[in-house]
């Protein structure tokens, strides 16, 4: 079944069909649902690809950031969306995220916790599970690179000090900032978060690779151990 003959789309005026509309009027003329419909490619017997796209968007409050949080499994639950179409949607959203990352200026300089948070937005936003990252910097506090240490479940991940400092030494880092996200949106550090931070700070002091901060990341805000005076 082709896109043009699925559902009711064959009865639409040519300039209103998403693919033809994009060709005639440009990509900016399409709604979010129409763009997603192109990825979906085909509808069902009684639903067009645009109908399906609208149903998916409605489920996330028409919020593209929330759409990006849906997994392949989540998307596959929608009628008319199999694994292949779910993969296409996830892949397109990931390309958008990577484009944002490439647009950022190189070698950003970190002067405060807000700078650090902004630097990690492309890496940690929309993640449905916990991840632990380190942001490695040179002596001028310029970013060398962010490094993913581990990824876990909804409520936890593992951060091995040996792996963390091996990465820091390998990239000749002079300092680092720790990051982990809380998918729940809760910014309160757990006792385990505090204990790990203390352990890594002590190790960094011994290796002359100081841990400057530890940020708990959520999509809308962050918690800085340094700002709160508990680093």
N, C-alpha and C. Protein backbone atom coordinates (compact mmCIF):
# COMPACT_ATOMS: atom_id res chain seq x y z
N UNK A 1 0.86 -1.20 0.00
CA UNK A 1 0.00 0.00 0.00
C UNK A 1 0.89 1.24 0.00
N UNK A 2 0.64 2.17 -0.92
CA UNK A 2 1.43 3.39 -0.96
C UNK A 2 0.78 4.47 -0.12
N UNK A 3 1.57 5.48 0.17
CA UNK A 3 1.05 6.60 0.99
C UNK A 3 -0.15 7.23 0.32
N UNK A 4 -0.05 7.45 -1.00
CA UNK A 4 -1.09 8.20 -1.70
C UNK A 4 -2.43 7.46 -1.74
N UNK A 5 -2.43 6.15 -1.59
CA UNK A 5 -3.68 5.41 -1.71
C UNK A 5 -4.19 4.92 -0.36
N UNK A 6 -3.53 5.29 0.73
CA UNK A 6 -3.97 4.83 2.04
C UNK A 6 -5.11 5.68 2.56
N UNK A 7 -6.02 5.05 3.30
CA UNK A 7 -7.10 5.78 3.94
C UNK A 7 -7.82 6.68 2.94
N UNK A 8 -8.02 7.95 3.30
CA UNK A 8 -8.79 8.89 2.48
C UNK A 8 -7.91 9.87 1.72
N UNK A 9 -6.59 9.71 1.79
CA UNK A 9 -5.69 10.72 1.20
C UNK A 9 -5.86 10.84 -0.31
N UNK A 10 -6.22 9.76 -0.98
CA UNK A 10 -6.36 9.84 -2.43
C UNK A 10 -7.44 10.83 -2.86
N UNK A 11 -8.35 11.15 -1.93
CA UNK A 11 -9.42 12.10 -2.27
C UNK A 11 -9.03 13.55 -2.00
N UNK A 12 -7.86 13.76 -1.40
CA UNK A 12 -7.43 15.12 -1.08
C UNK A 12 -6.93 15.83 -2.34
N UNK A 13 -7.03 17.14 -2.34
CA UNK A 13 -6.40 17.92 -3.41
C UNK A 13 -4.90 17.69 -3.36
N UNK A 14 -4.27 17.65 -4.52
CA UNK A 14 -2.85 17.31 -4.59
C UNK A 14 -2.01 18.22 -3.69
N UNK A 15 -2.34 19.51 -3.67
CA UNK A 15 -1.52 20.45 -2.88
C UNK A 15 -1.70 20.27 -1.38
N UNK A 16 -2.69 19.45 -0.97
CA UNK A 16 -2.91 19.21 0.45
C UNK A 16 -2.29 17.89 0.93
N UNK A 17 -1.85 17.06 0.02
CA UNK A 17 -1.20 15.81 0.41
C UNK A 17 0.20 16.14 0.92
N UNK A 18 0.59 15.60 2.06
CA UNK A 18 1.85 16.03 2.69
C UNK A 18 3.07 16.02 1.77
N UNK A 19 3.29 14.95 1.03
CA UNK A 19 4.48 14.90 0.17
C UNK A 19 4.42 15.97 -0.92
N UNK A 20 3.27 16.04 -1.59
CA UNK A 20 3.12 17.02 -2.66
C UNK A 20 3.16 18.45 -2.11
N UNK A 21 2.58 18.64 -0.93
CA UNK A 21 2.59 19.96 -0.30
C UNK A 21 4.01 20.40 0.00
N UNK A 22 4.83 19.47 0.46
CA UNK A 22 6.23 19.80 0.75
C UNK A 22 6.95 20.21 -0.54
N UNK A 23 6.70 19.47 -1.61
CA UNK A 23 7.34 19.78 -2.89
C UNK A 23 6.89 21.13 -3.44
N UNK A 24 5.59 21.42 -3.29
CA UNK A 24 5.04 22.64 -3.87
C UNK A 24 5.28 23.89 -3.03
N UNK A 25 5.18 23.73 -1.70
CA UNK A 25 5.20 24.89 -0.82
C UNK A 25 6.41 24.95 0.11
N UNK A 26 7.18 23.88 0.19
CA UNK A 26 8.34 23.87 1.07
C UNK A 26 8.03 23.24 2.42
N UNK A 27 9.05 22.81 3.11
CA UNK A 27 8.88 22.07 4.36
C UNK A 27 8.23 22.90 5.47
N UNK A 28 8.46 24.21 5.46
CA UNK A 28 7.90 25.06 6.52
C UNK A 28 6.38 25.14 6.45
N UNK A 29 5.80 24.80 5.31
CA UNK A 29 4.35 24.90 5.15
C UNK A 29 3.61 23.73 5.79
N UNK A 30 4.33 22.68 6.16
CA UNK A 30 3.70 21.49 6.71
C UNK A 30 3.54 21.58 8.22
N UNK A 31 2.44 21.06 8.72
CA UNK A 31 2.23 20.97 10.17
C UNK A 31 3.08 19.82 10.72
N UNK A 32 3.19 19.77 12.05
CA UNK A 32 3.92 18.66 12.67
C UNK A 32 3.31 17.32 12.27
N UNK A 33 1.99 17.25 12.27
CA UNK A 33 1.31 16.00 11.91
C UNK A 33 1.62 15.59 10.48
N UNK A 34 1.68 16.56 9.58
CA UNK A 34 1.97 16.25 8.17
C UNK A 34 3.40 15.75 8.00
N UNK A 35 4.34 16.34 8.73
CA UNK A 35 5.73 15.88 8.66
C UNK A 35 5.85 14.46 9.18
N UNK A 36 5.19 14.18 10.29
CA UNK A 36 5.23 12.82 10.85
C UNK A 36 4.53 11.84 9.91
N UNK A 37 3.47 12.29 9.24
CA UNK A 37 2.76 11.43 8.30
C UNK A 37 3.66 10.96 7.17
N UNK A 38 4.57 11.82 6.74
CA UNK A 38 5.52 11.42 5.69
C UNK A 38 6.40 10.28 6.19
N UNK A 39 6.79 10.34 7.46
CA UNK A 39 7.59 9.26 8.05
C UNK A 39 6.77 7.97 8.17
N UNK A 40 5.50 8.12 8.55
CA UNK A 40 4.62 6.95 8.70
C UNK A 40 4.39 6.27 7.36
N UNK A 41 4.25 7.08 6.31
CA UNK A 41 4.21 6.62 4.92
C UNK A 41 2.87 6.05 4.47
N UNK A 42 2.15 5.31 5.31
CA UNK A 42 0.89 4.72 4.89
C UNK A 42 -0.09 4.67 6.05
N UNK A 43 -1.36 4.76 5.73
CA UNK A 43 -2.38 4.69 6.75
C UNK A 43 -2.99 3.31 6.86
N UNK A 44 -4.16 3.24 7.46
CA UNK A 44 -4.90 1.98 7.57
C UNK A 44 -6.14 2.09 6.68
N UNK A 45 -7.03 1.13 6.78
CA UNK A 45 -8.24 1.14 5.95
C UNK A 45 -9.07 2.39 6.20
N UNK A 46 -9.16 2.80 7.46
CA UNK A 46 -10.03 3.94 7.80
C UNK A 46 -9.30 5.14 8.39
N UNK A 47 -7.99 5.09 8.46
CA UNK A 47 -7.21 6.22 8.98
C UNK A 47 -6.10 6.57 8.01
N UNK A 48 -5.97 7.85 7.68
CA UNK A 48 -4.82 8.27 6.87
C UNK A 48 -3.59 8.36 7.76
N UNK A 49 -2.43 8.48 7.12
CA UNK A 49 -1.20 8.66 7.89
C UNK A 49 -1.26 9.94 8.72
N UNK A 50 -1.93 10.96 8.19
CA UNK A 50 -2.08 12.21 8.94
C UNK A 50 -2.95 11.99 10.17
N UNK A 51 -4.01 11.21 10.02
CA UNK A 51 -4.86 10.89 11.18
C UNK A 51 -4.05 10.21 12.28
N UNK A 52 -3.25 9.24 11.87
CA UNK A 52 -2.43 8.50 12.84
C UNK A 52 -1.44 9.44 13.53
N UNK A 53 -0.82 10.32 12.73
CA UNK A 53 0.14 11.28 13.29
C UNK A 53 -0.53 12.19 14.31
N UNK A 54 -1.75 12.63 14.01
CA UNK A 54 -2.47 13.50 14.95
C UNK A 54 -2.80 12.77 16.25
N UNK A 55 -3.14 11.48 16.15
CA UNK A 55 -3.42 10.69 17.35
C UNK A 55 -2.18 10.58 18.22
N UNK A 56 -1.04 10.33 17.58
CA UNK A 56 0.22 10.22 18.33
C UNK A 56 0.55 11.54 19.01
N UNK A 57 0.45 12.64 18.26
CA UNK A 57 0.76 13.95 18.82
C UNK A 57 -0.19 14.31 19.96
N UNK A 58 -1.46 13.99 19.81
CA UNK A 58 -2.43 14.28 20.87
C UNK A 58 -2.06 13.55 22.15
N UNK A 59 -1.51 12.35 22.03
CA UNK A 59 -1.16 11.56 23.22
C UNK A 59 -0.04 12.19 24.04
N UNK A 60 0.74 13.08 23.40
CA UNK A 60 1.83 13.76 24.11
C UNK A 60 1.56 15.26 24.23
N UNK A 61 0.30 15.63 24.11
CA UNK A 61 -0.06 17.04 24.24
C UNK A 61 0.50 17.92 23.15
N UNK A 62 0.71 17.33 21.96
CA UNK A 62 1.28 18.07 20.82
C UNK A 62 2.63 18.68 21.15
N UNK A 63 3.37 18.03 22.02
CA UNK A 63 4.69 18.51 22.44
C UNK A 63 5.77 17.62 21.82
N UNK A 64 6.59 18.20 20.95
CA UNK A 64 7.61 17.41 20.26
C UNK A 64 8.68 16.89 21.21
N UNK A 65 8.96 17.63 22.27
CA UNK A 65 9.92 17.14 23.26
C UNK A 65 9.40 15.87 23.93
N UNK A 66 8.10 15.86 24.24
CA UNK A 66 7.52 14.66 24.83
C UNK A 66 7.44 13.52 23.81
N UNK A 67 7.22 13.86 22.55
CA UNK A 67 7.23 12.84 21.50
C UNK A 67 8.59 12.15 21.43
N UNK A 68 9.65 12.94 21.59
CA UNK A 68 11.01 12.40 21.51
C UNK A 68 11.31 11.44 22.65
N UNK A 69 10.54 11.49 23.71
CA UNK A 69 10.74 10.59 24.83
C UNK A 69 10.13 9.20 24.60
N UNK A 70 9.25 9.09 23.61
CA UNK A 70 8.61 7.81 23.35
C UNK A 70 9.60 6.83 22.73
N UNK A 71 9.57 5.62 23.21
CA UNK A 71 10.46 4.58 22.69
C UNK A 71 9.82 3.91 21.47
N UNK A 72 10.59 3.07 20.81
CA UNK A 72 10.06 2.29 19.69
C UNK A 72 8.87 1.45 20.16
N UNK A 73 9.00 0.88 21.34
CA UNK A 73 7.92 0.06 21.91
C UNK A 73 6.68 0.91 22.15
N UNK A 74 6.86 2.12 22.68
CA UNK A 74 5.72 3.02 22.93
C UNK A 74 4.99 3.35 21.63
N UNK A 75 5.76 3.72 20.61
CA UNK A 75 5.16 4.12 19.34
C UNK A 75 4.47 2.96 18.64
N UNK A 76 5.03 1.77 18.79
CA UNK A 76 4.46 0.60 18.12
C UNK A 76 3.08 0.22 18.64
N UNK A 77 2.70 0.76 19.78
CA UNK A 77 1.39 0.47 20.35
C UNK A 77 0.26 1.19 19.62
N UNK A 78 0.60 2.23 18.87
CA UNK A 78 -0.44 2.98 18.16
C UNK A 78 -0.90 2.20 16.92
N UNK A 79 -2.18 2.24 16.68
CA UNK A 79 -2.74 1.56 15.52
C UNK A 79 -2.12 2.12 14.24
N UNK A 80 -1.66 1.25 13.37
CA UNK A 80 -1.06 1.67 12.12
C UNK A 80 0.43 1.91 12.21
N UNK A 81 1.00 1.77 13.40
CA UNK A 81 2.44 1.98 13.58
C UNK A 81 3.09 0.66 13.99
N UNK A 82 3.79 0.06 13.07
CA UNK A 82 4.55 -1.14 13.39
C UNK A 82 5.97 -0.76 13.79
N UNK A 83 6.81 -1.75 13.97
CA UNK A 83 8.18 -1.49 14.41
C UNK A 83 8.95 -0.63 13.42
N UNK A 84 8.81 -0.93 12.12
CA UNK A 84 9.57 -0.18 11.11
C UNK A 84 9.21 1.30 11.12
N UNK A 85 7.93 1.62 11.23
CA UNK A 85 7.52 3.03 11.24
C UNK A 85 7.92 3.71 12.55
N UNK A 86 7.85 2.96 13.63
CA UNK A 86 8.30 3.52 14.91
C UNK A 86 9.78 3.85 14.85
N UNK A 87 10.56 2.98 14.25
CA UNK A 87 12.01 3.21 14.10
C UNK A 87 12.25 4.46 13.26
N UNK A 88 11.48 4.64 12.19
CA UNK A 88 11.65 5.82 11.33
C UNK A 88 11.40 7.11 12.10
N UNK A 89 10.38 7.12 12.94
CA UNK A 89 10.07 8.31 13.74
C UNK A 89 11.17 8.59 14.75
N UNK A 90 11.60 7.56 15.46
CA UNK A 90 12.67 7.72 16.46
C UNK A 90 13.95 8.19 15.79
N UNK A 91 14.28 7.64 14.62
CA UNK A 91 15.50 8.03 13.92
C UNK A 91 15.45 9.49 13.49
N UNK A 92 14.29 9.94 13.00
CA UNK A 92 14.15 11.34 12.57
C UNK A 92 14.32 12.30 13.74
N UNK A 93 13.73 11.96 14.88
CA UNK A 93 13.86 12.81 16.06
C UNK A 93 15.30 12.83 16.57
N UNK A 94 16.00 11.71 16.46
CA UNK A 94 17.40 11.66 16.87
C UNK A 94 18.27 12.52 15.96
N UNK A 95 17.98 12.54 14.67
CA UNK A 95 18.71 13.41 13.76
C UNK A 95 18.53 14.88 14.14
N UNK A 96 17.31 15.24 14.53
CA UNK A 96 17.07 16.61 14.97
C UNK A 96 17.88 16.96 16.20
N UNK A 97 17.97 16.02 17.13
CA UNK A 97 18.76 16.25 18.34
C UNK A 97 20.23 16.43 18.00
N UNK A 98 20.74 15.59 17.10
CA UNK A 98 22.16 15.68 16.72
C UNK A 98 22.45 16.97 15.97
N UNK A 99 21.51 17.45 15.19
CA UNK A 99 21.71 18.71 14.50
C UNK A 99 21.89 19.85 15.50
N UNK A 100 21.06 19.85 16.55
CA UNK A 100 21.19 20.87 17.59
C UNK A 100 22.58 20.82 18.21
N UNK A 101 23.05 19.61 18.44
CA UNK A 101 24.36 19.44 19.07
C UNK A 101 25.47 19.99 18.19
N UNK A 102 25.40 19.76 16.88
CA UNK A 102 26.44 20.23 15.97
C UNK A 102 26.42 21.74 15.79
N UNK A 103 25.27 22.35 16.02
CA UNK A 103 25.16 23.81 15.86
C UNK A 103 25.84 24.58 16.99
N UNK A 104 26.15 23.89 18.09
CA UNK A 104 26.74 24.59 19.22
C UNK A 104 28.20 24.96 18.92
N UNK A 105 28.68 26.09 19.43
CA UNK A 105 30.08 26.46 19.22
C UNK A 105 31.01 25.44 19.87
N UNK A 106 32.15 25.23 19.23
CA UNK A 106 33.12 24.27 19.75
C UNK A 106 33.90 24.86 20.93
N UNK A 107 34.40 23.95 21.76
CA UNK A 107 35.22 24.32 22.90
C UNK A 107 34.56 25.39 23.77
N UNK A 108 33.36 25.10 24.18
CA UNK A 108 32.67 26.02 25.09
C UNK A 108 33.45 26.12 26.40
N UNK A 109 33.41 27.29 27.02
CA UNK A 109 34.09 27.50 28.30
C UNK A 109 33.04 27.48 29.40
N UNK A 110 33.29 26.69 30.42
CA UNK A 110 32.34 26.54 31.53
C UNK A 110 32.73 27.49 32.66
N UNK A 111 31.86 28.44 32.96
CA UNK A 111 32.15 29.41 34.02
C UNK A 111 31.20 29.28 35.21
N UNK A 112 30.11 28.53 35.03
CA UNK A 112 29.14 28.39 36.11
C UNK A 112 28.30 27.14 35.86
N UNK A 113 27.47 26.80 36.83
CA UNK A 113 26.65 25.60 36.70
C UNK A 113 25.68 25.69 35.52
N UNK A 114 25.18 26.89 35.23
CA UNK A 114 24.26 27.06 34.11
C UNK A 114 24.95 26.73 32.79
N UNK A 115 26.20 27.15 32.64
CA UNK A 115 26.96 26.80 31.43
C UNK A 115 27.07 25.28 31.30
N UNK A 116 27.36 24.62 32.42
CA UNK A 116 27.51 23.17 32.40
C UNK A 116 26.19 22.49 32.01
N UNK A 117 25.11 22.96 32.60
CA UNK A 117 23.79 22.40 32.29
C UNK A 117 23.47 22.56 30.81
N UNK A 118 23.68 23.76 30.29
CA UNK A 118 23.38 24.02 28.88
C UNK A 118 24.21 23.14 27.96
N UNK A 119 25.45 22.88 28.35
CA UNK A 119 26.33 22.04 27.54
C UNK A 119 25.81 20.61 27.42
N UNK A 120 25.13 20.15 28.44
CA UNK A 120 24.69 18.75 28.46
C UNK A 120 23.25 18.55 27.99
N UNK A 121 22.54 19.62 27.70
CA UNK A 121 21.15 19.48 27.26
C UNK A 121 21.01 18.54 26.05
N UNK A 122 21.85 18.68 25.01
CA UNK A 122 21.68 17.79 23.86
C UNK A 122 21.89 16.31 24.18
N UNK A 123 22.64 16.04 25.25
CA UNK A 123 22.96 14.65 25.58
C UNK A 123 21.96 14.00 26.53
N UNK A 124 21.36 14.80 27.39
CA UNK A 124 20.52 14.22 28.44
C UNK A 124 19.03 14.53 28.33
N UNK A 125 18.66 15.46 27.48
CA UNK A 125 17.24 15.79 27.40
C UNK A 125 16.44 14.64 26.79
N UNK A 126 15.23 14.48 27.27
CA UNK A 126 14.27 13.48 26.76
C UNK A 126 14.64 12.04 27.08
N UNK A 127 15.61 11.81 27.95
CA UNK A 127 16.00 10.43 28.25
C UNK A 127 15.01 9.81 29.24
N UNK A 128 14.45 8.63 28.91
CA UNK A 128 13.48 7.99 29.80
C UNK A 128 14.12 7.15 30.90
N UNK A 129 15.46 7.03 30.85
CA UNK A 129 16.18 6.24 31.85
C UNK A 129 17.34 7.07 32.39
N UNK A 130 17.91 6.64 33.50
CA UNK A 130 19.04 7.37 34.08
C UNK A 130 20.33 7.10 33.31
N UNK A 131 21.12 8.14 33.15
CA UNK A 131 22.46 8.02 32.57
C UNK A 131 23.44 8.82 33.42
N UNK A 132 24.67 8.36 33.46
CA UNK A 132 25.73 9.06 34.19
C UNK A 132 26.78 9.50 33.18
N UNK A 133 27.08 10.80 33.16
CA UNK A 133 28.05 11.38 32.23
C UNK A 133 29.11 12.16 33.01
N UNK A 134 30.24 12.35 32.37
CA UNK A 134 31.23 13.30 32.88
C UNK A 134 31.55 14.30 31.78
N UNK A 135 31.75 15.54 32.17
CA UNK A 135 32.15 16.59 31.24
C UNK A 135 33.61 16.90 31.53
N UNK A 136 34.48 16.55 30.59
CA UNK A 136 35.92 16.72 30.79
C UNK A 136 36.37 18.08 30.27
N UNK A 137 37.27 18.73 31.03
CA UNK A 137 37.70 20.09 30.68
C UNK A 137 39.22 20.22 30.79
N UNK A 138 39.75 21.24 30.09
CA UNK A 138 41.18 21.53 30.20
C UNK A 138 41.40 22.56 31.30
N UNK A 139 42.63 23.07 31.41
CA UNK A 139 42.95 23.99 32.51
C UNK A 139 42.23 25.33 32.39
N UNK A 140 41.78 25.66 31.18
CA UNK A 140 41.04 26.90 30.98
C UNK A 140 39.54 26.69 31.15
N UNK A 141 39.16 25.53 31.67
CA UNK A 141 37.74 25.16 31.83
C UNK A 141 37.00 25.12 30.50
N UNK A 142 37.73 24.83 29.42
CA UNK A 142 37.11 24.62 28.12
C UNK A 142 36.76 23.14 27.98
N UNK A 143 35.63 22.88 27.37
CA UNK A 143 35.15 21.50 27.25
C UNK A 143 36.01 20.71 26.28
N UNK A 144 36.54 19.59 26.77
CA UNK A 144 37.24 18.66 25.90
C UNK A 144 36.25 17.72 25.24
N UNK A 145 35.39 17.12 26.07
CA UNK A 145 34.34 16.26 25.54
C UNK A 145 33.45 15.76 26.67
N UNK A 146 32.19 15.49 26.37
CA UNK A 146 31.33 14.78 27.33
C UNK A 146 31.50 13.28 27.10
N UNK A 147 31.44 12.51 28.17
CA UNK A 147 31.62 11.06 28.07
C UNK A 147 30.49 10.35 28.82
N UNK A 148 29.81 9.46 28.14
CA UNK A 148 28.78 8.63 28.78
C UNK A 148 29.47 7.51 29.55
N UNK A 149 29.21 7.42 30.85
CA UNK A 149 29.82 6.39 31.68
C UNK A 149 28.91 5.17 31.79
N UNK A 150 27.64 5.39 32.01
CA UNK A 150 26.72 4.25 32.13
C UNK A 150 25.29 4.70 31.90
N UNK A 151 24.45 3.74 31.54
CA UNK A 151 23.01 3.97 31.38
C UNK A 151 22.28 2.87 32.12
N UNK A 152 21.23 3.25 32.81
CA UNK A 152 20.54 2.27 33.63
C UNK A 152 19.04 2.31 33.47
N UNK A 153 18.33 2.11 34.56
CA UNK A 153 16.87 2.07 34.53
C UNK A 153 16.27 3.42 34.83
N UNK A 154 15.01 3.40 35.16
CA UNK A 154 14.28 4.64 35.44
C UNK A 154 14.76 5.28 36.73
N UNK A 155 15.23 4.47 37.67
CA UNK A 155 15.55 5.00 39.00
C UNK A 155 17.01 4.84 39.41
N UNK A 156 17.89 4.49 38.48
CA UNK A 156 19.28 4.38 38.89
C UNK A 156 20.21 3.94 37.79
N UNK A 157 21.49 4.24 37.97
CA UNK A 157 22.54 3.77 37.07
C UNK A 157 23.82 3.62 37.88
N UNK A 158 24.82 2.97 37.32
CA UNK A 158 26.05 2.68 38.05
C UNK A 158 27.17 3.56 37.52
N UNK A 159 27.94 4.15 38.42
CA UNK A 159 29.08 4.98 38.04
C UNK A 159 30.33 4.41 38.69
N UNK A 160 31.19 3.79 37.90
CA UNK A 160 32.40 3.14 38.39
C UNK A 160 33.54 4.15 38.41
N UNK A 161 34.10 4.48 39.57
CA UNK A 161 35.19 5.47 39.63
C UNK A 161 36.38 5.10 38.75
N UNK A 162 36.68 3.81 38.63
CA UNK A 162 37.82 3.39 37.80
C UNK A 162 37.60 3.77 36.34
N UNK A 163 36.38 3.56 35.85
CA UNK A 163 36.07 3.92 34.46
C UNK A 163 36.08 5.43 34.29
N UNK A 164 35.54 6.14 35.26
CA UNK A 164 35.47 7.60 35.18
C UNK A 164 36.86 8.21 35.05
N UNK A 165 37.77 7.81 35.93
CA UNK A 165 39.10 8.44 35.91
C UNK A 165 39.99 7.88 34.80
N UNK A 166 39.70 6.68 34.34
CA UNK A 166 40.40 6.16 33.15
C UNK A 166 40.10 7.05 31.95
N UNK A 167 38.83 7.44 31.80
CA UNK A 167 38.45 8.33 30.71
C UNK A 167 39.11 9.70 30.86
N UNK A 168 39.12 10.21 32.07
CA UNK A 168 39.72 11.53 32.31
C UNK A 168 41.20 11.54 31.97
N UNK A 169 41.90 10.48 32.36
CA UNK A 169 43.34 10.39 32.07
C UNK A 169 43.57 10.21 30.58
N UNK A 170 42.76 9.38 29.94
CA UNK A 170 42.91 9.11 28.51
C UNK A 170 42.79 10.38 27.68
N UNK A 171 41.88 11.28 28.08
CA UNK A 171 41.67 12.51 27.31
C UNK A 171 42.42 13.70 27.89
N UNK A 172 43.35 13.42 28.80
CA UNK A 172 44.22 14.46 29.38
C UNK A 172 43.42 15.59 30.01
N UNK A 173 42.36 15.23 30.69
CA UNK A 173 41.51 16.24 31.33
C UNK A 173 42.18 16.82 32.56
N UNK A 174 41.96 18.11 32.79
CA UNK A 174 42.47 18.77 33.99
C UNK A 174 41.43 18.83 35.09
N UNK A 175 40.16 18.70 34.72
CA UNK A 175 39.07 18.71 35.71
C UNK A 175 37.84 18.09 35.06
N UNK A 176 36.81 17.90 35.87
CA UNK A 176 35.58 17.32 35.33
C UNK A 176 34.37 17.78 36.13
N UNK A 177 33.22 17.66 35.51
CA UNK A 177 31.93 17.85 36.17
C UNK A 177 31.12 16.58 35.98
N UNK A 178 30.49 16.13 37.05
CA UNK A 178 29.67 14.92 37.00
C UNK A 178 28.22 15.29 36.66
N UNK A 179 27.56 14.40 35.95
CA UNK A 179 26.15 14.59 35.61
C UNK A 179 25.40 13.27 35.71
N UNK A 180 24.21 13.33 36.26
CA UNK A 180 23.27 12.24 36.03
C UNK A 180 21.87 12.82 36.01
N UNK A 181 21.00 12.20 35.25
CA UNK A 181 19.64 12.73 35.10
C UNK A 181 18.67 11.98 35.99
N UNK A 182 17.59 12.66 36.34
CA UNK A 182 16.47 12.06 37.06
C UNK A 182 15.25 12.14 36.14
N UNK A 183 14.91 11.06 35.44
CA UNK A 183 13.75 11.09 34.54
C UNK A 183 12.45 11.48 35.23
N UNK A 184 12.38 11.25 36.53
CA UNK A 184 11.17 11.59 37.29
C UNK A 184 10.97 13.09 37.42
N UNK A 185 12.04 13.86 37.20
CA UNK A 185 11.96 15.31 37.38
C UNK A 185 12.28 15.76 38.79
N UNK A 186 12.53 14.82 39.69
CA UNK A 186 12.87 15.13 41.08
C UNK A 186 14.32 15.59 41.18
N UNK A 187 14.53 16.78 41.71
CA UNK A 187 15.88 17.34 41.79
C UNK A 187 16.59 17.04 43.11
N UNK A 188 15.94 16.38 44.03
CA UNK A 188 16.54 16.12 45.34
C UNK A 188 17.59 15.02 45.25
N UNK A 189 18.84 15.29 45.68
CA UNK A 189 19.87 14.25 45.64
C UNK A 189 19.61 13.18 46.70
N UNK A 190 19.83 11.94 46.34
CA UNK A 190 19.69 10.85 47.30
C UNK A 190 20.97 10.75 48.13
N UNK A 191 20.92 9.97 49.19
CA UNK A 191 22.13 9.75 49.98
C UNK A 191 23.19 9.06 49.14
N UNK A 192 22.75 8.16 48.26
CA UNK A 192 23.70 7.49 47.36
C UNK A 192 24.38 8.49 46.43
N UNK A 193 23.63 9.50 45.96
CA UNK A 193 24.21 10.55 45.12
C UNK A 193 25.28 11.31 45.89
N UNK A 194 24.99 11.63 47.14
CA UNK A 194 25.94 12.37 47.97
C UNK A 194 27.19 11.55 48.26
N UNK A 195 27.00 10.27 48.57
CA UNK A 195 28.13 9.40 48.88
C UNK A 195 29.03 9.23 47.66
N UNK A 196 28.43 9.03 46.49
CA UNK A 196 29.21 8.87 45.26
C UNK A 196 29.98 10.14 44.95
N UNK A 197 29.34 11.29 45.11
CA UNK A 197 30.00 12.57 44.84
C UNK A 197 31.22 12.74 45.74
N UNK A 198 31.07 12.44 47.00
CA UNK A 198 32.17 12.56 47.95
C UNK A 198 33.32 11.61 47.57
N UNK A 199 32.97 10.40 47.19
CA UNK A 199 33.98 9.40 46.81
C UNK A 199 34.76 9.85 45.58
N UNK A 200 34.06 10.38 44.58
CA UNK A 200 34.72 10.82 43.36
C UNK A 200 35.51 12.10 43.58
N UNK A 201 35.03 12.97 44.43
CA UNK A 201 35.77 14.18 44.76
C UNK A 201 37.10 13.82 45.42
N UNK A 202 37.08 12.87 46.35
CA UNK A 202 38.30 12.45 47.03
C UNK A 202 39.27 11.81 46.05
N UNK A 203 38.76 10.99 45.14
CA UNK A 203 39.62 10.35 44.14
C UNK A 203 40.23 11.38 43.21
N UNK A 204 39.44 12.37 42.82
CA UNK A 204 39.94 13.43 41.95
C UNK A 204 41.04 14.24 42.60
N UNK A 205 40.92 14.46 43.90
CA UNK A 205 41.95 15.20 44.62
C UNK A 205 43.27 14.43 44.60
N UNK A 206 43.20 13.12 44.79
CA UNK A 206 44.41 12.29 44.79
C UNK A 206 45.07 12.26 43.42
N UNK A 207 44.27 12.26 42.37
CA UNK A 207 44.80 12.15 41.00
C UNK A 207 45.05 13.52 40.37
N UNK A 208 44.80 14.58 41.10
CA UNK A 208 44.95 15.95 40.59
C UNK A 208 44.05 16.19 39.37
N UNK A 209 42.87 15.60 39.41
CA UNK A 209 41.83 15.87 38.41
C UNK A 209 40.57 16.23 39.19
N UNK A 210 40.48 17.47 39.63
CA UNK A 210 39.39 17.84 40.55
C UNK A 210 38.00 17.70 39.95
N UNK A 211 37.07 17.27 40.78
CA UNK A 211 35.65 17.25 40.43
C UNK A 211 35.08 18.60 40.84
N UNK A 212 34.71 19.41 39.87
CA UNK A 212 34.27 20.78 40.15
C UNK A 212 32.80 20.88 40.56
N UNK A 213 32.00 19.94 40.11
CA UNK A 213 30.57 19.99 40.43
C UNK A 213 29.93 18.66 40.07
N UNK A 214 28.74 18.47 40.57
CA UNK A 214 27.90 17.33 40.20
C UNK A 214 26.50 17.88 40.00
N UNK A 215 25.99 17.73 38.79
CA UNK A 215 24.66 18.25 38.47
C UNK A 215 23.66 17.12 38.32
N UNK A 216 22.53 17.26 39.00
CA UNK A 216 21.38 16.40 38.75
C UNK A 216 20.55 17.09 37.68
N UNK A 217 20.36 16.42 36.57
CA UNK A 217 19.76 17.02 35.37
C UNK A 217 18.30 16.58 35.22
N UNK A 218 17.41 17.54 35.00
CA UNK A 218 16.07 17.24 34.50
C UNK A 218 15.85 18.12 33.28
N UNK A 219 14.80 17.84 32.53
CA UNK A 219 14.59 18.57 31.28
C UNK A 219 14.32 20.05 31.48
N UNK A 220 13.87 20.45 32.68
CA UNK A 220 13.49 21.84 32.90
C UNK A 220 14.36 22.57 33.93
N UNK A 221 15.17 21.84 34.67
CA UNK A 221 15.97 22.48 35.73
C UNK A 221 17.11 21.56 36.13
N UNK A 222 17.92 22.02 37.08
CA UNK A 222 19.03 21.19 37.55
C UNK A 222 19.33 21.50 39.01
N UNK A 223 20.08 20.60 39.62
CA UNK A 223 20.56 20.79 41.00
C UNK A 223 22.07 20.72 40.95
N UNK A 224 22.74 21.73 41.47
CA UNK A 224 24.19 21.80 41.48
C UNK A 224 24.72 21.58 42.90
N UNK A 225 25.53 20.55 43.08
CA UNK A 225 26.14 20.29 44.38
C UNK A 225 27.03 21.46 44.80
N UNK A 226 27.75 22.04 43.84
CA UNK A 226 28.64 23.15 44.16
C UNK A 226 27.85 24.39 44.58
N UNK A 227 26.79 24.70 43.84
CA UNK A 227 25.98 25.87 44.18
C UNK A 227 25.34 25.73 45.55
N UNK A 228 25.00 24.50 45.91
CA UNK A 228 24.34 24.25 47.20
C UNK A 228 25.34 24.08 48.34
N UNK A 229 26.64 24.14 48.02
CA UNK A 229 27.67 24.07 49.05
C UNK A 229 27.87 22.71 49.67
N UNK A 230 27.51 21.64 48.95
CA UNK A 230 27.68 20.30 49.52
C UNK A 230 28.66 19.45 48.72
N UNK A 231 29.48 20.10 47.86
CA UNK A 231 30.49 19.34 47.11
C UNK A 231 31.73 19.15 47.98
